[in-house]
Amino acid sequence: MENWKSGSFYFVLKKNERSCYFLAMEARRNLSKGDATRSAILNHAVSIASQIGLSGISIGRLADDLRLSKSGVFAHFHSKEALQVHVLETAAERFVEEIVRPALSEARGEPRVRALFERWLRWARSQRTPGGCLFVAASVEFDDQPGPVRDKLVSLQRDWLSVMAKVVESGIAEKAFRADLDAEQFAHDLYSIMLGYHHASRLLKDARAEEHAHAAFDNLLAACRKTRNRD
């Protein structure tokens, strides 16, 4: 078994199986009352973060919304900054469960890459809050604000780019893609497609945003395939 560890995520590749597993940062099983309260706080914080921004989340706001004492909420996180970091981690766990883990159950190569894209697009489409994707909103909010929150966001985004590149590399290893394919460039281009979709669908209200995203992805994937004169 080959293990690949990156930042907050743990990625396991089994050489003799056509499957890989992406484990969430922490299992949330057998919750105590305190753990359940903490989970409820974080779930609510994630649900409003893209709308009001991570900076807009406060211990007082969460306490009022959930009818908890401010001291009780503070006891779970000890600072607003720590709360913001935990919000990002919780959102990342959701992303893993809804997109990454199911996609990685697909066969290596095109099926796995397409599953990542389709699930990511579906997830982006389902973000109905005014701010849309929490990670996109937070990237704009914290791109020039040094500190633990920005560091966590950068770590999560780099992890995600690395995962996409690893998925492509696994396809190359299976000879599903060209041997000279640049996996890191593919990850960059796929991320660019999704950022373009977010901009077109949410800001421009472009009715063809999803159509354009699919066309761009199909072109990107086509460039990965072997040709008769190559490989």
C-alpha atoms as a PDB file:
ATOM      1  CA  MET A   1       0.000   0.000   0.000  1.00  0.00           C
ATOM      2  CA  GLU A   2       1.265   3.469  -0.876  1.00  0.00           C
ATOM      3  CA  ASN A   3       0.299   6.369   1.362  1.00  0.00           C
ATOM      4  CA  TRP A   4       0.215   9.981   0.247  1.00  0.00           C
ATOM      5  CA  LYS A   5      -0.289  12.659   2.851  1.00  0.00           C
ATOM      6  CA  SER A   6      -0.954  16.303   2.067  1.00  0.00           C
ATOM      7  CA  GLY A   7      -1.891  18.959   4.595  1.00  0.00           C
ATOM      8  CA  SER A   8      -5.247  18.247   6.238  1.00  0.00           C
ATOM      9  CA  PHE A   9      -6.109  15.306   4.061  1.00  0.00           C
ATOM     10  CA  TYR A  10      -4.978  11.708   3.979  1.00  0.00           C
ATOM     11  CA  PHE A  11      -4.985  10.031   0.613  1.00  0.00           C
ATOM     12  CA  VAL A  12      -4.524   6.275   0.305  1.00  0.00           C
ATOM     13  CA  LEU A  13      -3.732   4.505  -2.930  1.00  0.00           C
ATOM     14  CA  LYS A  14      -3.882   0.733  -3.169  1.00  0.00           C
ATOM     15  CA  LYS A  15      -1.585  -0.377  -5.950  1.00  0.00           C
ATOM     16  CA  ASN A  16      -3.418  -3.626  -6.646  1.00  0.00           C
ATOM     17  CA  GLU A  17      -6.932  -2.197  -6.656  1.00  0.00           C
ATOM     18  CA  ARG A  18      -8.760   0.132  -9.032  1.00  0.00           C
ATOM     19  CA  SER A  19      -9.937   2.215  -6.133  1.00  0.00           C
ATOM     20  CA  CYS A  20      -8.650   4.835  -3.758  1.00  0.00           C
ATOM     21  CA  TYR A  21     -10.003   6.369  -0.639  1.00  0.00           C
ATOM     22  CA  PHE A  22      -9.961   9.940   0.559  1.00  0.00           C
ATOM     23  CA  LEU A  23     -10.570  10.055   4.304  1.00  0.00           C
ATOM     24  CA  ALA A  24     -12.121  13.076   6.012  1.00  0.00           C
ATOM     25  CA  MET A  25     -10.016  14.926   8.551  1.00  0.00           C
ATOM     26  CA  GLU A  26     -11.912  13.647  11.603  1.00  0.00           C
ATOM     27  CA  ALA A  27     -14.604  10.972  11.986  1.00  0.00           C
ATOM     28  CA  ARG A  28     -17.677  12.327  13.689  1.00  0.00           C
ATOM     29  CA  ARG A  29     -18.967   9.219  15.397  1.00  0.00           C
ATOM     30  CA  ASN A  30     -20.514   8.589  18.797  1.00  0.00           C
ATOM     31  CA  LEU A  31     -20.920  12.280  19.511  1.00  0.00           C
ATOM     32  CA  SER A  32     -21.168  13.354  23.137  1.00  0.00           C
ATOM     33  CA  LYS A  33     -23.556  16.168  24.026  1.00  0.00           C
ATOM     34  CA  GLY A  34     -20.681  18.656  23.875  1.00  0.00           C
ATOM     35  CA  ASP A  35     -19.539  17.287  20.516  1.00  0.00           C
ATOM     36  CA  ALA A  36     -23.104  17.474  19.186  1.00  0.00           C
ATOM     37  CA  THR A  37     -23.372  21.116  20.244  1.00  0.00           C
ATOM     38  CA  ARG A  38     -20.027  21.907  18.643  1.00  0.00           C
ATOM     39  CA  SER A  39     -21.144  20.164  15.447  1.00  0.00           C
ATOM     40  CA  ALA A  40     -24.411  22.118  15.399  1.00  0.00           C
ATOM     41  CA  ILE A  41     -22.515  25.389  15.830  1.00  0.00           C
ATOM     42  CA  LEU A  42     -20.134  24.585  12.985  1.00  0.00           C
ATOM     43  CA  ASN A  43     -22.892  23.386  10.665  1.00  0.00           C
ATOM     44  CA  HIS A  44     -24.792  26.621  11.161  1.00  0.00           C
ATOM     45  CA  ALA A  45     -21.638  28.688  10.755  1.00  0.00           C
ATOM     46  CA  VAL A  46     -20.862  26.965   7.446  1.00  0.00           C
ATOM     47  CA  SER A  47     -24.410  27.550   6.216  1.00  0.00           C
ATOM     48  CA  ILE A  48     -24.158  31.321   6.710  1.00  0.00           C
ATOM     49  CA  ALA A  49     -20.443  31.888   6.070  1.00  0.00           C
ATOM     50  CA  SER A  50     -20.668  32.343   2.312  1.00  0.00           C
ATOM     51  CA  GLN A  51     -23.483  34.862   2.791  1.00  0.00           C
ATOM     52  CA  ILE A  52     -21.989  37.069   5.492  1.00  0.00           C
ATOM     53  CA  GLY A  53     -18.314  36.132   5.030  1.00  0.00           C
ATOM     54  CA  LEU A  54     -16.032  34.398   7.464  1.00  0.00           C
ATOM     55  CA  SER A  55     -15.236  37.784   8.996  1.00  0.00           C
ATOM     56  CA  GLY A  56     -18.939  38.311   9.623  1.00  0.00           C
ATOM     57  CA  ILE A  57     -19.275  35.165  11.709  1.00  0.00           C
ATOM     58  CA  SER A  58     -19.187  35.975  15.391  1.00  0.00           C
ATOM     59  CA  ILE A  59     -19.599  33.999  18.569  1.00  0.00           C
ATOM     60  CA  GLY A  60     -22.424  36.351  19.546  1.00  0.00           C
ATOM     61  CA  ARG A  61     -24.291  35.862  16.255  1.00  0.00           C
ATOM     62  CA  LEU A  62     -24.032  32.073  16.523  1.00  0.00           C
ATOM     63  CA  ALA A  63     -25.116  32.106  20.154  1.00  0.00           C
ATOM     64  CA  ASP A  64     -28.197  34.189  19.305  1.00  0.00           C
ATOM     65  CA  ASP A  65     -29.126  32.094  16.260  1.00  0.00           C
ATOM     66  CA  LEU A  66     -28.803  28.797  18.123  1.00  0.00           C
ATOM     67  CA  ARG A  67     -30.123  30.083  21.461  1.00  0.00           C
ATOM     68  CA  LEU A  68     -26.913  29.270  23.275  1.00  0.00           C
ATOM     69  CA  SER A  69     -24.923  31.319  25.749  1.00  0.00           C
ATOM     70  CA  LYS A  70     -21.990  33.283  24.375  1.00  0.00           C
ATOM     71  CA  SER A  71     -19.751  31.737  27.010  1.00  0.00           C
ATOM     72  CA  GLY A  72     -20.874  28.288  25.907  1.00  0.00           C
ATOM     73  CA  VAL A  73     -19.999  28.964  22.270  1.00  0.00           C
ATOM     74  CA  PHE A  74     -16.712  30.584  23.277  1.00  0.00           C
ATOM     75  CA  ALA A  75     -15.770  27.508  25.315  1.00  0.00           C
ATOM     76  CA  HIS A  76     -15.775  25.396  22.154  1.00  0.00           C
ATOM     77  CA  PHE A  77     -13.445  27.610  20.106  1.00  0.00           C
ATOM     78  CA  HIS A  78     -11.810  30.184  22.432  1.00  0.00           C
ATOM     79  CA  SER A  79     -11.439  32.781  19.666  1.00  0.00           C
ATOM     80  CA  LYS A  80     -13.138  34.030  16.533  1.00  0.00           C
ATOM     81  CA  GLU A  81     -10.077  33.121  14.503  1.00  0.00           C
ATOM     82  CA  ALA A  82     -10.151  29.516  15.713  1.00  0.00           C
ATOM     83  CA  LEU A  83     -13.853  29.376  14.899  1.00  0.00           C
ATOM     84  CA  GLN A  84     -13.166  30.546  11.338  1.00  0.00           C
ATOM     85  CA  VAL A  85     -10.497  27.881  10.872  1.00  0.00           C
ATOM     86  CA  HIS A  86     -12.883  25.180  12.110  1.00  0.00           C
ATOM     87  CA  VAL A  87     -15.571  26.452   9.742  1.00  0.00           C
ATOM     88  CA  LEU A  88     -13.212  25.975   6.803  1.00  0.00           C
ATOM     89  CA  GLU A  89     -12.302  22.479   8.001  1.00  0.00           C
ATOM     90  CA  THR A  90     -15.966  21.537   8.363  1.00  0.00           C
ATOM     91  CA  ALA A  91     -16.762  22.816   4.879  1.00  0.00           C
ATOM     92  CA  ALA A  92     -13.809  20.815   3.529  1.00  0.00           C
ATOM     93  CA  GLU A  93     -15.126  17.660   5.177  1.00  0.00           C
ATOM     94  CA  ARG A  94     -18.474  18.188   3.446  1.00  0.00           C
ATOM     95  CA  PHE A  95     -16.701  18.703   0.148  1.00  0.00           C
ATOM     96  CA  VAL A  96     -14.829  15.437   0.597  1.00  0.00           C
ATOM     97  CA  GLU A  97     -17.969  13.480   1.441  1.00  0.00           C
ATOM     98  CA  GLU A  98     -20.112  14.921  -1.340  1.00  0.00           C
ATOM     99  CA  ILE A  99     -17.562  15.130  -4.155  1.00  0.00           C
ATOM    100  CA  VAL A 100     -14.208  13.504  -3.617  1.00  0.00           C
ATOM    101  CA  ARG A 101     -14.983  10.236  -1.892  1.00  0.00           C
ATOM    102  CA  PRO A 102     -17.739   9.154  -4.355  1.00  0.00           C
ATOM    103  CA  ALA A 103     -15.681  10.226  -7.380  1.00  0.00           C
ATOM    104  CA  LEU A 104     -12.687   8.195  -6.250  1.00  0.00           C
ATOM    105  CA  SER A 105     -14.776   5.040  -6.328  1.00  0.00           C
ATOM    106  CA  GLU A 106     -14.858   5.335 -10.124  1.00  0.00           C
ATOM    107  CA  ALA A 107     -12.316   3.631 -12.402  1.00  0.00           C
ATOM    108  CA  ARG A 108      -9.053   5.498 -12.924  1.00  0.00           C
ATOM    109  CA  GLY A 109      -8.764   7.699 -15.967  1.00  0.00           C
ATOM    110  CA  GLU A 110     -11.679   9.460 -17.636  1.00  0.00           C
ATOM    111  CA  PRO A 111     -14.436   8.002 -15.416  1.00  0.00           C
ATOM    112  CA  ARG A 112     -12.773   9.267 -12.245  1.00  0.00           C
ATOM    113  CA  VAL A 113     -11.842  12.681 -13.646  1.00  0.00           C
ATOM    114  CA  ARG A 114     -15.318  13.191 -15.102  1.00  0.00           C
ATOM    115  CA  ALA A 115     -16.936  12.166 -11.818  1.00  0.00           C
ATOM    116  CA  LEU A 116     -14.856  14.782  -9.985  1.00  0.00           C
ATOM    117  CA  PHE A 117     -15.923  17.471 -12.434  1.00  0.00           C
ATOM    118  CA  GLU A 118     -19.608  16.527 -12.554  1.00  0.00           C
ATOM    119  CA  ARG A 119     -19.918  16.273  -8.779  1.00  0.00           C
ATOM    120  CA  TRP A 120     -18.016  19.523  -8.292  1.00  0.00           C
ATOM    121  CA  LEU A 121     -20.272  21.265 -10.794  1.00  0.00           C
ATOM    122  CA  ARG A 122     -23.394  19.839  -9.143  1.00  0.00           C
ATOM    123  CA  TRP A 123     -22.120  20.994  -5.760  1.00  0.00           C
ATOM    124  CA  ALA A 124     -21.416  24.502  -7.097  1.00  0.00           C
ATOM    125  CA  ARG A 125     -24.885  24.625  -8.645  1.00  0.00           C
ATOM    126  CA  SER A 126     -26.498  23.621  -5.350  1.00  0.00           C
ATOM    127  CA  GLN A 127     -24.995  26.526  -3.373  1.00  0.00           C
ATOM    128  CA  ARG A 128     -28.101  28.655  -3.014  1.00  0.00           C
ATOM    129  CA  THR A 129     -26.850  31.161  -0.467  1.00  0.00           C
ATOM    130  CA  PRO A 130     -26.121  34.694  -1.762  1.00  0.00           C
ATOM    131  CA  GLY A 131     -22.365  34.206  -1.445  1.00  0.00           C
ATOM    132  CA  GLY A 132     -22.285  30.891  -3.278  1.00  0.00           C
ATOM    133  CA  CYS A 133     -19.216  28.717  -2.756  1.00  0.00           C
ATOM    134  CA  LEU A 134     -17.670  29.326   0.673  1.00  0.00           C
ATOM    135  CA  PHE A 135     -14.150  28.684  -0.599  1.00  0.00           C
ATOM    136  CA  VAL A 136     -14.464  31.140  -3.486  1.00  0.00           C
ATOM    137  CA  ALA A 137     -15.953  33.785  -1.195  1.00  0.00           C
ATOM    138  CA  ALA A 138     -13.281  33.204   1.449  1.00  0.00           C
ATOM    139  CA  SER A 139     -10.522  33.388  -1.158  1.00  0.00           C
ATOM    140  CA  VAL A 140     -11.627  36.878  -2.126  1.00  0.00           C
ATOM    141  CA  GLU A 141     -12.066  37.860   1.506  1.00  0.00           C
ATOM    142  CA  PHE A 142      -8.721  36.588   2.811  1.00  0.00           C
ATOM    143  CA  ASP A 143      -6.363  36.677  -0.165  1.00  0.00           C
ATOM    144  CA  ASP A 144      -4.504  39.673   1.318  1.00  0.00           C
ATOM    145  CA  GLN A 145      -5.089  39.051   5.035  1.00  0.00           C
ATOM    146  CA  PRO A 146      -2.142  37.126   6.523  1.00  0.00           C
ATOM    147  CA  GLY A 147      -2.852  34.845   9.453  1.00  0.00           C
ATOM    148  CA  PRO A 148      -4.108  31.383  10.464  1.00  0.00           C
ATOM    149  CA  VAL A 149      -7.376  31.653   8.520  1.00  0.00           C
ATOM    150  CA  ARG A 150      -5.639  32.491   5.263  1.00  0.00           C
ATOM    151  CA  ASP A 151      -3.038  29.791   5.971  1.00  0.00           C
ATOM    152  CA  LYS A 152      -5.770  27.177   6.435  1.00  0.00           C
ATOM    153  CA  LEU A 153      -7.558  28.288   3.283  1.00  0.00           C
ATOM    154  CA  VAL A 154      -4.343  28.147   1.257  1.00  0.00           C
ATOM    155  CA  SER A 155      -3.562  24.695   2.649  1.00  0.00           C
ATOM    156  CA  LEU A 156      -7.008  23.360   1.735  1.00  0.00           C
ATOM    157  CA  GLN A 157      -6.880  24.791  -1.768  1.00  0.00           C
ATOM    158  CA  ARG A 158      -3.397  23.419  -2.399  1.00  0.00           C
ATOM    159  CA  ASP A 159      -4.537  20.044  -1.109  1.00  0.00           C
ATOM    160  CA  TRP A 160      -7.436  20.074  -3.562  1.00  0.00           C
ATOM    161  CA  LEU A 161      -5.182  20.949  -6.478  1.00  0.00           C
ATOM    162  CA  SER A 162      -2.867  18.131  -5.424  1.00  0.00           C
ATOM    163  CA  VAL A 163      -5.732  15.662  -5.270  1.00  0.00           C
ATOM    164  CA  MET A 164      -6.837  16.572  -8.799  1.00  0.00           C
ATOM    165  CA  ALA A 165      -3.269  16.187 -10.034  1.00  0.00           C
ATOM    166  CA  LYS A 166      -2.940  12.804  -8.296  1.00  0.00           C
ATOM    167  CA  VAL A 167      -6.155  11.605  -9.937  1.00  0.00           C
ATOM    168  CA  VAL A 168      -4.742  12.536 -13.346  1.00  0.00           C
ATOM    169  CA  GLU A 169      -1.425  10.880 -12.516  1.00  0.00           C
ATOM    170  CA  SER A 170      -3.255   7.674 -11.632  1.00  0.00           C
ATOM    171  CA  GLY A 171      -4.872   7.809 -15.081  1.00  0.00           C
ATOM    172  CA  ILE A 172      -1.475   8.274 -16.696  1.00  0.00           C
ATOM    173  CA  ALA A 173      -0.152   5.277 -14.754  1.00  0.00           C
ATOM    174  CA  GLU A 174      -3.057   3.210 -16.069  1.00  0.00           C
ATOM    175  CA  LYS A 175      -2.207   4.400 -19.609  1.00  0.00           C
ATOM    176  CA  ALA A 176      -5.626   6.013 -19.851  1.00  0.00           C
ATOM    177  CA  PHE A 177      -4.029   9.386 -20.633  1.00  0.00           C
ATOM    178  CA  ARG A 178      -0.994  10.580 -22.580  1.00  0.00           C
ATOM    179  CA  ALA A 179       2.307   9.798 -20.911  1.00  0.00           C
ATOM    180  CA  ASP A 180       3.473  13.417 -21.352  1.00  0.00           C
ATOM    181  CA  LEU A 181       0.353  14.925 -19.807  1.00  0.00           C
ATOM    182  CA  ASP A 182       1.107  17.626 -17.216  1.00  0.00           C
ATOM    183  CA  ALA A 183      -1.113  16.686 -14.260  1.00  0.00           C
ATOM    184  CA  GLU A 184      -0.509  19.932 -12.389  1.00  0.00           C
ATOM    185  CA  GLN A 185      -1.476  21.960 -15.447  1.00  0.00           C
ATOM    186  CA  PHE A 186      -4.642  19.900 -15.807  1.00  0.00           C
ATOM    187  CA  ALA A 187      -5.568  20.620 -12.179  1.00  0.00           C
ATOM    188  CA  HIS A 188      -4.956  24.338 -12.746  1.00  0.00           C
ATOM    189  CA  ASP A 189      -7.094  24.356 -15.898  1.00  0.00           C
ATOM    190  CA  LEU A 190      -9.938  22.426 -14.281  1.00  0.00           C
ATOM    191  CA  TYR A 191      -9.970  24.826 -11.348  1.00  0.00           C
ATOM    192  CA  SER A 192     -10.059  27.721 -13.820  1.00  0.00           C
ATOM    193  CA  ILE A 193     -13.128  26.228 -15.489  1.00  0.00           C
ATOM    194  CA  MET A 194     -14.943  26.040 -12.166  1.00  0.00           C
ATOM    195  CA  LEU A 195     -13.993  29.589 -11.189  1.00  0.00           C
ATOM    196  CA  GLY A 196     -15.256  30.756 -14.576  1.00  0.00           C
ATOM    197  CA  TYR A 197     -18.509  28.877 -14.020  1.00  0.00           C
ATOM    198  CA  HIS A 198     -18.962  30.494 -10.604  1.00  0.00           C
ATOM    199  CA  HIS A 199     -18.415  33.971 -12.074  1.00  0.00           C
ATOM    200  CA  ALA A 200     -20.698  33.377 -15.060  1.00  0.00           C
ATOM    201  CA  SER A 201     -23.530  31.730 -13.179  1.00  0.00           C
ATOM    202  CA  ARG A 202     -23.636  33.915 -10.091  1.00  0.00           C
ATOM    203  CA  LEU A 203     -22.464  37.383 -11.159  1.00  0.00           C
ATOM    204  CA  LEU A 204     -23.400  37.418 -14.843  1.00  0.00           C
ATOM    205  CA  LYS A 205     -26.470  35.166 -14.450  1.00  0.00           C
ATOM    206  CA  ASP A 206     -25.446  33.551 -17.736  1.00  0.00           C
ATOM    207  CA  ALA A 207     -28.025  30.933 -18.716  1.00  0.00           C
ATOM    208  CA  ARG A 208     -25.322  29.100 -20.679  1.00  0.00           C
ATOM    209  CA  ALA A 209     -22.791  29.007 -17.831  1.00  0.00           C
ATOM    210  CA  GLU A 210     -23.135  25.264 -17.282  1.00  0.00           C
ATOM    211  CA  GLU A 211     -23.078  24.572 -21.010  1.00  0.00           C
ATOM    212  CA  HIS A 212     -19.843  26.543 -21.369  1.00  0.00           C
ATOM    213  CA  ALA A 213     -18.302  24.745 -18.384  1.00  0.00           C
ATOM    214  CA  HIS A 214     -19.124  21.348 -19.887  1.00  0.00           C
ATOM    215  CA  ALA A 215     -17.696  22.365 -23.262  1.00  0.00           C
ATOM    216  CA  ALA A 216     -14.480  23.614 -21.655  1.00  0.00           C
ATOM    217  CA  PHE A 217     -14.129  20.418 -19.636  1.00  0.00           C
ATOM    218  CA  ASP A 218     -14.744  18.212 -22.665  1.00  0.00           C
ATOM    219  CA  ASN A 219     -12.015  20.085 -24.554  1.00  0.00           C
ATOM    220  CA  LEU A 220      -9.648  19.734 -21.606  1.00  0.00           C
ATOM    221  CA  LEU A 221     -10.323  16.023 -21.330  1.00  0.00           C
ATOM    222  CA  ALA A 222      -9.969  15.483 -25.073  1.00  0.00           C
ATOM    223  CA  ALA A 223      -6.469  16.950 -24.913  1.00  0.00           C
ATOM    224  CA  CYS A 224      -5.531  14.291 -22.361  1.00  0.00           C
ATOM    225  CA  ARG A 225      -6.377  11.330 -24.575  1.00  0.00           C
ATOM    226  CA  LYS A 226      -3.820   9.379 -26.498  1.00  0.00           C
ATOM    227  CA  THR A 227      -3.699   9.765 -30.257  1.00  0.00           C
ATOM    228  CA  ARG A 228      -2.575   7.250 -32.820  1.00  0.00           C
ATOM    229  CA  ASN A 229       0.662   9.093 -33.368  1.00  0.00           C
ATOM    230  CA  ARG A 230       1.539   9.492 -29.710  1.00  0.00           C
ATOM    231  CA  ASP A 231       2.370   7.168 -26.820  1.00  0.00           C
END
